[in-house]
Amino acid sequence: MGQFTVNYPGDKSQLLNKIKSTVGDKGKVSGDERQGNFSGETPVGDFEGTYTIEGDNINIDITKKPFLVSTGMIKDEFEKALKKA
């Protein structure tokens, strides 16, 4: 459905803990510093995907998303979340 890669040179286990606490009851993140999956809800529909981490690159594969939400919008929101974490 959509794939993208973002660069994050920081500590991955700390990042995952921060993302999991940020997501809270809005969605789920499961996995470790190598790979995992995530899901969540938006006002326009649900989304799901997987991630793999290779070095400083986080590869995201969106497997389900609302029709009205582009992969680019999801990437932008993901990058904003990384900057906050």
C-alpha atoms as a PDB file:
ATOM      1  CA  MET A   1       0.000   0.000   0.000  1.00  0.00           C
ATOM      2  CA  GLY A   2       2.832   2.396   0.842  1.00  0.00           C
ATOM      3  CA  GLN A   3       6.440   2.279   1.982  1.00  0.00           C
ATOM      4  CA  PHE A   4       8.934   4.839   3.181  1.00  0.00           C
ATOM      5  CA  THR A   5      12.184   5.096   5.127  1.00  0.00           C
ATOM      6  CA  VAL A   6      13.128   7.644   7.771  1.00  0.00           C
ATOM      7  CA  ASN A   7      16.523   8.184   9.331  1.00  0.00           C
ATOM      8  CA  TYR A   8      16.861   8.133  13.116  1.00  0.00           C
ATOM      9  CA  PRO A   9      20.424   7.917  14.476  1.00  0.00           C
ATOM     10  CA  GLY A  10      19.398   7.857  18.180  1.00  0.00           C
ATOM     11  CA  ASP A  11      18.864   4.968  20.593  1.00  0.00           C
ATOM     12  CA  LYS A  12      16.158   2.718  19.142  1.00  0.00           C
ATOM     13  CA  SER A  13      14.992   1.071  22.383  1.00  0.00           C
ATOM     14  CA  GLN A  14      14.434   4.485  24.003  1.00  0.00           C
ATOM     15  CA  LEU A  15      12.651   5.640  20.858  1.00  0.00           C
ATOM     16  CA  LEU A  16      10.282   2.655  20.907  1.00  0.00           C
ATOM     17  CA  ASN A  17       9.476   3.195  24.588  1.00  0.00           C
ATOM     18  CA  LYS A  18       8.679   6.864  23.938  1.00  0.00           C
ATOM     19  CA  ILE A  19       6.534   6.048  20.905  1.00  0.00           C
ATOM     20  CA  LYS A  20       4.623   3.352  22.812  1.00  0.00           C
ATOM     21  CA  SER A  21       3.896   5.765  25.656  1.00  0.00           C
ATOM     22  CA  THR A  22       2.931   8.526  23.211  1.00  0.00           C
ATOM     23  CA  VAL A  23       0.531   6.254  21.318  1.00  0.00           C
ATOM     24  CA  GLY A  24      -1.211   5.255  24.551  1.00  0.00           C
ATOM     25  CA  ASP A  25      -4.791   4.179  23.918  1.00  0.00           C
ATOM     26  CA  LYS A  26      -4.863   5.669  20.384  1.00  0.00           C
ATOM     27  CA  GLY A  27      -3.156   2.611  18.924  1.00  0.00           C
ATOM     28  CA  LYS A  28      -0.714  -0.229  19.446  1.00  0.00           C
ATOM     29  CA  VAL A  29       2.989  -0.692  18.821  1.00  0.00           C
ATOM     30  CA  SER A  30       4.569  -4.091  19.334  1.00  0.00           C
ATOM     31  CA  GLY A  31       8.042  -5.299  18.502  1.00  0.00           C
ATOM     32  CA  ASP A  32      11.640  -4.532  19.328  1.00  0.00           C
ATOM     33  CA  GLU A  33      14.674  -2.618  18.028  1.00  0.00           C
ATOM     34  CA  ARG A  34      14.719  -4.733  14.849  1.00  0.00           C
ATOM     35  CA  GLN A  35      11.119  -5.142  13.717  1.00  0.00           C
ATOM     36  CA  GLY A  36       7.494  -4.949  14.735  1.00  0.00           C
ATOM     37  CA  ASN A  37       4.067  -3.698  13.834  1.00  0.00           C
ATOM     38  CA  PHE A  38       1.690  -0.897  14.682  1.00  0.00           C
ATOM     39  CA  SER A  39      -1.947   0.041  14.320  1.00  0.00           C
ATOM     40  CA  GLY A  40      -4.130   2.960  15.219  1.00  0.00           C
ATOM     41  CA  GLU A  41      -7.276   4.927  14.617  1.00  0.00           C
ATOM     42  CA  THR A  42      -7.927   8.305  13.041  1.00  0.00           C
ATOM     43  CA  PRO A  43     -11.194  10.186  12.648  1.00  0.00           C
ATOM     44  CA  VAL A  44     -11.311   9.008   9.003  1.00  0.00           C
ATOM     45  CA  GLY A  45     -10.372   5.357   9.552  1.00  0.00           C
ATOM     46  CA  ASP A  46      -7.887   2.811  10.859  1.00  0.00           C
ATOM     47  CA  PHE A  47      -4.286   2.246   9.801  1.00  0.00           C
ATOM     48  CA  GLU A  48      -1.830  -0.637  10.192  1.00  0.00           C
ATOM     49  CA  GLY A  49       1.737  -1.344   9.226  1.00  0.00           C
ATOM     50  CA  THR A  50       5.062  -2.930  10.005  1.00  0.00           C
ATOM     51  CA  TYR A  51       8.530  -1.577  10.611  1.00  0.00           C
ATOM     52  CA  THR A  52      12.082  -2.861  10.340  1.00  0.00           C
ATOM     53  CA  ILE A  53      15.149  -1.083  11.656  1.00  0.00           C
ATOM     54  CA  GLU A  54      18.456  -1.417   9.832  1.00  0.00           C
ATOM     55  CA  GLY A  55      21.188   0.747  11.310  1.00  0.00           C
ATOM     56  CA  ASP A  56      19.834   4.296  11.466  1.00  0.00           C
ATOM     57  CA  ASN A  57      17.068   3.638   8.928  1.00  0.00           C
ATOM     58  CA  ILE A  58      13.523   2.813   9.969  1.00  0.00           C
ATOM     59  CA  ASN A  59      11.662   1.170   7.075  1.00  0.00           C
ATOM     60  CA  ILE A  60       7.893   1.549   7.294  1.00  0.00           C
ATOM     61  CA  ASP A  61       5.394  -0.510   5.306  1.00  0.00           C
ATOM     62  CA  ILE A  62       1.793   0.727   5.521  1.00  0.00           C
ATOM     63  CA  THR A  63      -0.535  -2.252   5.036  1.00  0.00           C
ATOM     64  CA  LYS A  64      -3.864  -0.513   5.745  1.00  0.00           C
ATOM     65  CA  LYS A  65      -4.826   3.160   5.718  1.00  0.00           C
ATOM     66  CA  PRO A  66      -7.879   5.342   5.240  1.00  0.00           C
ATOM     67  CA  PHE A  67      -8.579   6.138   1.596  1.00  0.00           C
ATOM     68  CA  LEU A  68      -8.410   9.884   2.274  1.00  0.00           C
ATOM     69  CA  VAL A  69      -4.976   9.714   3.916  1.00  0.00           C
ATOM     70  CA  SER A  70      -1.909   9.564   1.665  1.00  0.00           C
ATOM     71  CA  THR A  71       1.274   7.680   2.486  1.00  0.00           C
ATOM     72  CA  GLY A  72       3.046  11.059   2.355  1.00  0.00           C
ATOM     73  CA  MET A  73       0.790  12.386   5.127  1.00  0.00           C
ATOM     74  CA  ILE A  74       1.556   9.328   7.250  1.00  0.00           C
ATOM     75  CA  LYS A  75       5.295   9.797   6.649  1.00  0.00           C
ATOM     76  CA  ASP A  76       5.054  13.469   7.684  1.00  0.00           C
ATOM     77  CA  GLU A  77       3.254  12.551  10.922  1.00  0.00           C
ATOM     78  CA  PHE A  78       5.749   9.764  11.635  1.00  0.00           C
ATOM     79  CA  GLU A  79       8.682  12.166  11.191  1.00  0.00           C
ATOM     80  CA  LYS A  80       7.018  14.706  13.512  1.00  0.00           C
ATOM     81  CA  ALA A  81       6.589  11.973  16.157  1.00  0.00           C
ATOM     82  CA  LEU A  82      10.270  11.024  15.866  1.00  0.00           C
ATOM     83  CA  LYS A  83      11.339  14.636  16.419  1.00  0.00           C
ATOM     84  CA  LYS A  84       9.188  14.834  19.570  1.00  0.00           C
ATOM     85  CA  ALA A  85      10.556  11.516  20.865  1.00  0.00           C
END
